[in-house]
Amino acid sequence: MISKRVKSNLKQTFSESLLPKIGLVLLLSILFMAMFAPVLATHDPTRTGHYTEEGAEYPPLGHEYTTQVAADGEIGEVTVQGSSEHVLGTNNVGQDVYSRFLYGARVSLLVGLLGTSMAVAIGVPVGLVAGYYGGRIDDGLMRIADVMLAFPALVLALALIGVFGESPFYVPDPIVRAGLAEGMPESIPIPGTVTIVVGLVTWVWFARVARGEALSIRNEEYVKAARSFGASNRTILLKHVLPNSLTPIIVLATIQVAVIILLEASLAYLGFSGTTLSWGYEIERGQDVLRTRPWVSMLPGIGIVLAVISVNLLGDWLRDALDPNIEGEGR
């Protein structure tokens, strides 16, 4: 399905620019951490109670901070040192920050990929049908899309979660089941409601892009030729319209993964994720101690930024390589 010209453009733009290489390295690093989180994690991310002898949270290794603790009925100041057992410290309930960062990457990436897949599965067929048939079908489907676009994505997502509730589901962790990571959670929590909601909120963008492509392709000569040979509308849509509409859909899907990661982090920050193993939830957990113990919120925040940047860099590379109307630098 990918022509030689497209492959050549992909290789050329990738070799000429440093940005897609950076994006690829970042994304592969995050994917590696997420896939092998049970092996890389040093502690069970759900286990609490990792405190110092004074009952304080550990700072990152090589750092220290001063806090007040109660001992023998008196309140005194103590200096808390980092520990090699918790290289990135612990949060306010004594959970290992490094381990929760690794497991949080799993949830954020899974929601981003699954939510985008659902949005594509809904939006692309709707857009292709609306653009190909036109008339009342087009008007009806696009008015539904316009209604969805009238609401801010976050507000609409909150409303839908309020209707359906928080319903996480759990998938067995193959690494733990294989006995390669003892003491780690045996299942991967996936916020099911959030995944469905982000798909329902973002499908309209794919519908509009697919509709625009179908509107232009349906009048092409090869489509008219297929129709004159007796090809059904379904055959034309699947064999002619859809394959020639994939370029902008692939580019949009890549960028939409980053959008959904941010949306999931926002919902988790507000407490609507359905699981506590999320980067957004970790940021919320550390906001009250941001001045004294910033490491709790900083690491998941950096993770979100790097994930979004890596996906956007790859999305820009695909756009430049697949769209012949864009003239990049040196092309």
Protein backbone atom coordinates (compact mmCIF):
# COMPACT_ATOMS: atom_id res chain seq x y z
CA MET A 1 0.00 0.00 0.00
CA ILE A 2 3.00 2.28 0.58
CA SER A 3 4.46 3.34 -2.75
CA LYS A 4 8.17 3.60 -3.51
CA ARG A 5 7.85 7.37 -3.76
CA VAL A 6 6.41 7.58 -0.25
CA LYS A 7 9.12 5.30 1.14
CA SER A 8 11.74 7.46 -0.53
CA ASN A 9 10.23 10.64 0.94
CA LEU A 10 10.12 9.08 4.40
CA LYS A 11 13.78 8.07 4.24
CA GLN A 12 14.87 11.40 2.78
CA THR A 13 13.08 13.61 5.30
CA PHE A 14 14.21 11.40 8.18
CA SER A 15 17.86 11.52 7.12
CA GLU A 16 17.85 15.26 6.44
CA SER A 17 16.36 16.39 9.73
CA LEU A 18 17.51 15.86 13.32
CA LEU A 19 14.07 16.40 14.90
CA PRO A 20 12.44 13.10 13.83
CA LYS A 21 15.50 11.22 15.09
CA ILE A 22 15.12 12.89 18.48
CA GLY A 23 11.40 12.13 18.50
CA LEU A 24 11.99 8.48 17.61
CA VAL A 25 14.63 8.01 20.32
CA LEU A 26 12.39 9.63 22.94
CA LEU A 27 9.35 7.61 21.96
CA LEU A 28 11.24 4.31 21.83
CA SER A 29 12.74 5.05 25.25
CA ILE A 30 9.30 5.73 26.76
CA LEU A 31 7.84 2.64 25.09
CA PHE A 32 10.71 0.53 26.45
CA MET A 33 10.14 1.83 29.97
CA ALA A 34 6.41 1.21 29.73
CA MET A 35 6.70 -2.32 28.30
CA PHE A 36 9.31 -3.50 30.80
CA ALA A 37 8.11 -1.51 33.81
CA PRO A 38 7.83 -4.62 36.07
CA VAL A 39 11.47 -5.48 35.36
CA LEU A 40 12.83 -1.94 35.63
CA ALA A 41 10.81 -0.94 38.71
CA THR A 42 12.53 -1.32 42.07
CA HIS A 43 9.37 -1.49 44.21
CA ASP A 44 5.71 -2.36 43.91
CA PRO A 45 4.21 0.98 42.72
CA THR A 46 1.06 0.45 44.81
CA ARG A 47 2.86 -0.33 48.07
CA THR A 48 2.83 2.43 50.67
CA GLY A 49 4.86 3.05 53.81
CA HIS A 50 8.35 3.67 52.41
CA TYR A 51 9.36 6.31 54.99
CA THR A 52 12.54 7.25 56.80
CA GLU A 53 13.03 6.37 60.45
CA GLU A 54 11.58 9.77 61.32
CA GLY A 55 8.44 9.07 59.24
CA ALA A 56 9.34 11.48 56.41
CA GLU A 57 9.35 10.97 52.65
CA TYR A 58 12.62 10.17 50.94
CA PRO A 59 14.05 12.84 48.61
CA PRO A 60 15.85 11.84 45.39
CA LEU A 61 19.29 10.32 45.82
CA GLY A 62 21.89 13.02 46.40
CA HIS A 63 19.37 15.55 47.73
CA GLU A 64 18.19 16.51 51.18
CA TYR A 65 15.53 18.67 52.76
CA THR A 66 14.54 19.87 56.22
CA THR A 67 11.17 19.04 57.71
CA GLN A 68 9.43 19.01 61.08
CA VAL A 69 8.59 15.73 62.79
CA ALA A 70 7.06 14.85 66.14
CA ALA A 71 9.20 12.79 68.53
CA ASP A 72 8.57 12.12 72.24
CA GLY A 73 5.75 14.63 72.27
CA GLU A 74 7.90 17.42 70.83
CA ILE A 75 8.19 18.84 67.32
CA GLY A 76 11.68 19.23 65.97
CA GLU A 77 13.44 19.79 62.68
CA VAL A 78 15.31 16.96 60.95
CA THR A 79 17.31 16.80 57.75
CA VAL A 80 16.20 13.97 55.49
CA GLN A 81 18.78 12.40 53.16
CA GLY A 82 18.14 10.50 49.92
CA SER A 83 18.44 6.73 49.79
CA SER A 84 19.78 4.38 47.13
CA GLU A 85 16.66 2.23 47.64
CA HIS A 86 14.50 5.08 46.34
CA VAL A 87 16.62 6.87 43.76
CA LEU A 88 13.89 9.38 42.89
CA GLY A 89 12.35 9.59 46.34
CA THR A 90 8.88 8.72 47.63
CA ASN A 91 5.56 10.56 47.67
CA ASN A 92 3.42 11.63 50.62
CA VAL A 93 2.06 8.12 51.24
CA GLY A 94 5.45 6.45 50.95
CA GLN A 95 5.21 5.08 47.40
CA ASP A 96 8.31 4.87 45.24
CA VAL A 97 8.24 7.72 42.69
CA TYR A 98 10.49 5.99 40.16
CA SER A 99 8.36 2.84 40.05
CA ARG A 100 5.14 4.82 39.74
CA PHE A 101 6.67 6.85 36.92
CA LEU A 102 7.34 3.68 34.93
CA TYR A 103 3.86 2.28 35.50
CA GLY A 104 2.26 5.66 34.80
CA ALA A 105 3.84 5.62 31.35
CA ARG A 106 1.96 2.40 30.63
CA VAL A 107 -1.43 3.92 31.36
CA SER A 108 -0.81 7.15 29.49
CA LEU A 109 0.49 5.42 26.35
CA LEU A 110 -2.21 2.74 26.38
CA VAL A 111 -4.98 5.32 26.66
CA GLY A 112 -3.34 7.39 23.91
CA LEU A 113 -3.07 4.45 21.51
CA LEU A 114 -6.42 2.80 22.33
CA GLY A 115 -8.29 6.11 22.38
CA THR A 116 -6.85 7.12 19.02
CA SER A 117 -7.68 3.71 17.55
CA MET A 118 -11.28 4.07 18.71
CA ALA A 119 -11.52 7.60 17.30
CA VAL A 120 -10.19 6.37 13.94
CA ALA A 121 -12.61 3.42 13.93
CA ILE A 122 -15.57 5.76 14.47
CA GLY A 123 -14.55 8.92 12.64
CA VAL A 124 -13.06 7.57 9.42
CA PRO A 125 -16.11 5.51 8.32
CA VAL A 126 -18.45 8.36 9.25
CA GLY A 127 -16.40 10.89 7.30
CA LEU A 128 -15.96 8.68 4.24
CA VAL A 129 -19.67 7.88 4.05
CA ALA A 130 -20.64 11.53 4.53
CA GLY A 131 -18.21 12.80 1.91
CA TYR A 132 -18.86 10.08 -0.65
CA TYR A 133 -22.66 10.10 -0.58
CA GLY A 134 -23.17 13.81 0.21
CA GLY A 135 -26.69 15.24 0.39
CA ARG A 136 -28.80 14.53 3.45
CA ILE A 137 -26.45 11.83 4.70
CA ASP A 138 -23.60 14.31 4.71
CA ASP A 139 -25.72 17.00 6.38
CA GLY A 140 -26.99 14.66 9.11
CA LEU A 141 -23.64 13.15 10.01
CA MET A 142 -21.77 16.45 9.96
CA ARG A 143 -24.37 18.18 12.12
CA ILE A 144 -23.75 15.51 14.75
CA ALA A 145 -20.04 16.24 14.46
CA ASP A 146 -20.69 19.97 14.78
CA VAL A 147 -22.64 19.38 18.00
CA MET A 148 -19.69 17.43 19.41
CA LEU A 149 -17.30 20.22 18.43
CA ALA A 150 -19.48 22.81 20.17
CA PHE A 151 -18.34 21.51 23.56
CA PRO A 152 -14.77 21.77 24.87
CA ALA A 153 -13.19 18.32 24.87
CA LEU A 154 -12.41 18.30 28.60
CA VAL A 155 -15.89 19.45 29.60
CA LEU A 156 -17.53 16.88 27.33
CA ALA A 157 -15.25 14.15 28.67
CA LEU A 158 -16.15 15.03 32.27
CA ALA A 159 -19.85 14.96 31.41
CA LEU A 160 -19.57 11.53 29.77
CA ILE A 161 -17.57 10.13 32.69
CA GLY A 162 -20.27 11.46 35.00
CA VAL A 163 -22.85 9.50 33.00
CA PHE A 164 -20.94 6.23 32.56
CA GLY A 165 -18.90 6.29 35.78
CA GLU A 166 -15.29 5.19 36.27
CA SER A 167 -14.89 1.60 35.08
CA PRO A 168 -11.27 0.45 34.89
CA PHE A 169 -10.52 -3.04 33.64
CA TYR A 170 -7.45 -5.13 34.26
CA VAL A 171 -5.29 -7.02 31.76
CA PRO A 172 -2.90 -9.73 33.04
CA ASP A 173 0.72 -8.59 32.94
CA PRO A 174 2.60 -11.17 30.82
CA ILE A 175 5.97 -10.29 32.34
CA VAL A 176 4.77 -10.86 35.89
CA ARG A 177 2.82 -13.97 34.93
CA ALA A 178 5.99 -15.37 33.37
CA GLY A 179 7.77 -15.00 36.72
CA LEU A 180 10.22 -12.37 35.51
CA ALA A 181 9.22 -9.73 38.07
CA GLU A 182 8.25 -11.04 41.47
CA GLY A 183 6.37 -8.80 43.85
CA MET A 184 4.93 -6.55 41.13
CA PRO A 185 1.21 -6.08 40.31
CA GLU A 186 -0.10 -9.04 38.34
CA SER A 187 -2.38 -6.98 36.10
CA ILE A 188 -2.23 -3.76 34.09
CA PRO A 189 -4.96 -1.26 35.02
CA ILE A 190 -6.58 0.39 32.01
CA PRO A 191 -9.13 3.17 32.64
CA GLY A 192 -11.84 1.79 30.39
CA THR A 193 -14.28 4.68 30.70
CA VAL A 194 -11.58 7.26 30.02
CA THR A 195 -10.38 5.34 26.95
CA ILE A 196 -13.90 5.18 25.52
CA VAL A 197 -14.63 8.79 26.39
CA VAL A 198 -11.50 10.21 24.72
CA GLY A 199 -12.38 8.21 21.62
CA LEU A 200 -15.92 9.60 21.62
CA VAL A 201 -14.62 13.13 22.12
CA THR A 202 -11.97 13.09 19.36
CA TRP A 203 -13.58 11.05 16.55
CA VAL A 204 -15.03 14.20 14.96
CA TRP A 205 -11.59 15.39 13.80
CA PHE A 206 -11.04 12.18 11.86
CA ALA A 207 -14.54 12.42 10.43
CA ARG A 208 -13.92 15.92 9.10
CA VAL A 209 -10.57 14.99 7.55
CA ALA A 210 -11.94 11.80 5.99
CA ARG A 211 -14.97 13.69 4.65
CA GLY A 212 -12.76 16.28 2.98
CA GLU A 213 -10.71 13.57 1.31
CA ALA A 214 -13.80 11.68 0.15
CA LEU A 215 -15.32 14.85 -1.32
CA SER A 216 -12.31 15.33 -3.58
CA ILE A 217 -11.68 11.67 -4.42
CA ARG A 218 -15.25 10.76 -5.39
CA ASN A 219 -14.95 12.89 -8.55
CA GLU A 220 -11.61 11.42 -9.65
CA GLU A 221 -11.47 9.61 -12.99
CA TYR A 222 -10.53 6.24 -11.50
CA VAL A 223 -13.59 6.38 -9.22
CA LYS A 224 -15.83 7.19 -12.19
CA ALA A 225 -14.25 4.34 -14.15
CA ALA A 226 -14.86 1.89 -11.30
CA ARG A 227 -18.46 3.04 -11.06
CA SER A 228 -18.94 2.62 -14.83
CA PHE A 229 -17.70 -0.98 -14.59
CA GLY A 230 -20.43 -1.73 -12.07
CA ALA A 231 -18.44 -1.56 -8.85
CA SER A 232 -20.63 -1.11 -5.77
CA ASN A 233 -20.35 1.92 -3.52
CA ARG A 234 -18.92 -0.28 -0.77
CA THR A 235 -16.22 -1.59 -3.09
CA ILE A 236 -15.34 1.91 -4.27
CA LEU A 237 -15.12 3.18 -0.68
CA LEU A 238 -12.89 0.32 0.47
CA LYS A 239 -10.64 -0.08 -2.58
CA HIS A 240 -10.37 3.46 -3.93
CA VAL A 241 -11.51 6.16 -1.51
CA LEU A 242 -10.10 4.78 1.76
CA PRO A 243 -6.57 3.89 0.51
CA ASN A 244 -6.18 7.31 -1.11
CA SER A 245 -7.36 9.06 2.08
CA LEU A 246 -4.88 7.44 4.44
CA THR A 247 -2.10 10.03 4.27
CA PRO A 248 -3.82 12.85 6.24
CA ILE A 249 -5.52 10.31 8.50
CA ILE A 250 -2.17 8.77 9.50
CA VAL A 251 -0.68 12.19 10.19
CA LEU A 252 -3.71 13.24 12.25
CA ALA A 253 -3.67 9.95 14.19
CA THR A 254 -0.03 10.48 15.14
CA ILE A 255 -0.68 13.96 16.45
CA GLN A 256 -3.93 12.89 18.11
CA VAL A 257 -2.06 10.40 20.31
CA ALA A 258 -0.31 13.37 21.94
CA VAL A 259 -3.62 15.21 22.36
CA ILE A 260 -5.21 12.19 24.06
CA ILE A 261 -2.21 11.75 26.37
CA LEU A 262 -2.73 15.32 27.54
CA LEU A 263 -6.48 14.80 27.87
CA GLU A 264 -5.99 11.63 29.92
CA ALA A 265 -3.47 13.42 32.16
CA SER A 266 -5.98 16.24 32.71
CA LEU A 267 -8.74 13.79 33.64
CA ALA A 268 -6.41 11.88 35.96
CA TYR A 269 -5.31 15.14 37.58
CA LEU A 270 -8.95 15.93 38.30
CA GLY A 271 -9.47 12.46 39.77
CA PHE A 272 -11.51 10.91 36.95
CA SER A 273 -9.03 8.39 35.56
CA GLY A 274 -10.23 5.30 37.39
CA THR A 275 -6.68 4.31 38.33
CA THR A 276 -3.98 5.87 40.49
CA LEU A 277 -1.15 4.67 38.22
CA SER A 278 -1.21 7.68 35.94
CA TRP A 279 1.13 10.59 35.34
CA GLY A 280 -1.70 13.09 35.77
CA TYR A 281 -2.66 11.57 39.11
CA GLU A 282 0.95 11.80 40.31
CA ILE A 283 1.06 15.51 39.45
CA GLU A 284 -2.08 16.07 41.54
CA ARG A 285 -0.62 14.01 44.38
CA GLY A 286 2.41 16.29 44.63
CA GLN A 287 0.82 19.70 44.12
CA ASP A 288 0.38 20.36 47.87
CA VAL A 289 4.09 19.81 48.53
CA LEU A 290 5.41 21.34 45.32
CA ARG A 291 7.59 23.90 47.12
CA THR A 292 9.14 21.52 49.63
CA ARG A 293 9.13 18.19 47.73
CA PRO A 294 8.88 19.04 44.01
CA TRP A 295 10.18 15.67 42.80
CA VAL A 296 6.75 14.07 43.33
CA SER A 297 5.18 16.16 40.54
CA MET A 298 8.21 17.04 38.43
CA LEU A 299 9.02 13.56 37.11
CA PRO A 300 5.54 12.69 35.76
CA GLY A 301 5.28 16.22 34.36
CA ILE A 302 8.55 15.76 32.49
CA GLY A 303 7.29 12.39 31.25
CA ILE A 304 4.15 13.95 29.78
CA VAL A 305 6.16 16.71 28.09
CA LEU A 306 8.66 14.28 26.55
CA ALA A 307 5.92 11.89 25.36
CA VAL A 308 3.96 14.70 23.71
CA ILE A 309 7.08 16.23 22.12
CA SER A 310 8.25 12.87 20.73
CA VAL A 311 4.87 12.10 19.15
CA ASN A 312 4.56 15.61 17.70
CA LEU A 313 8.05 15.45 16.19
CA LEU A 314 7.23 12.18 14.48
CA GLY A 315 3.89 13.60 13.36
CA ASP A 316 5.62 16.58 11.76
CA TRP A 317 8.03 14.22 10.00
CA LEU A 318 5.17 12.14 8.59
CA ARG A 319 3.35 15.27 7.48
CA ASP A 320 6.38 16.63 5.64
CA ALA A 321 7.11 13.28 4.01
CA LEU A 322 3.58 12.29 3.02
CA ASP A 323 2.16 15.63 1.93
CA PRO A 324 3.57 16.63 -1.47
CA ASN A 325 2.17 20.17 -1.09
CA ILE A 326 4.54 20.96 1.79
CA GLU A 327 8.01 22.10 0.84
CA GLY A 328 10.34 21.54 3.74
CA GLU A 329 13.75 23.08 4.23
CA GLY A 330 16.16 21.83 1.57
CA ARG A 331 13.45 20.06 -0.46
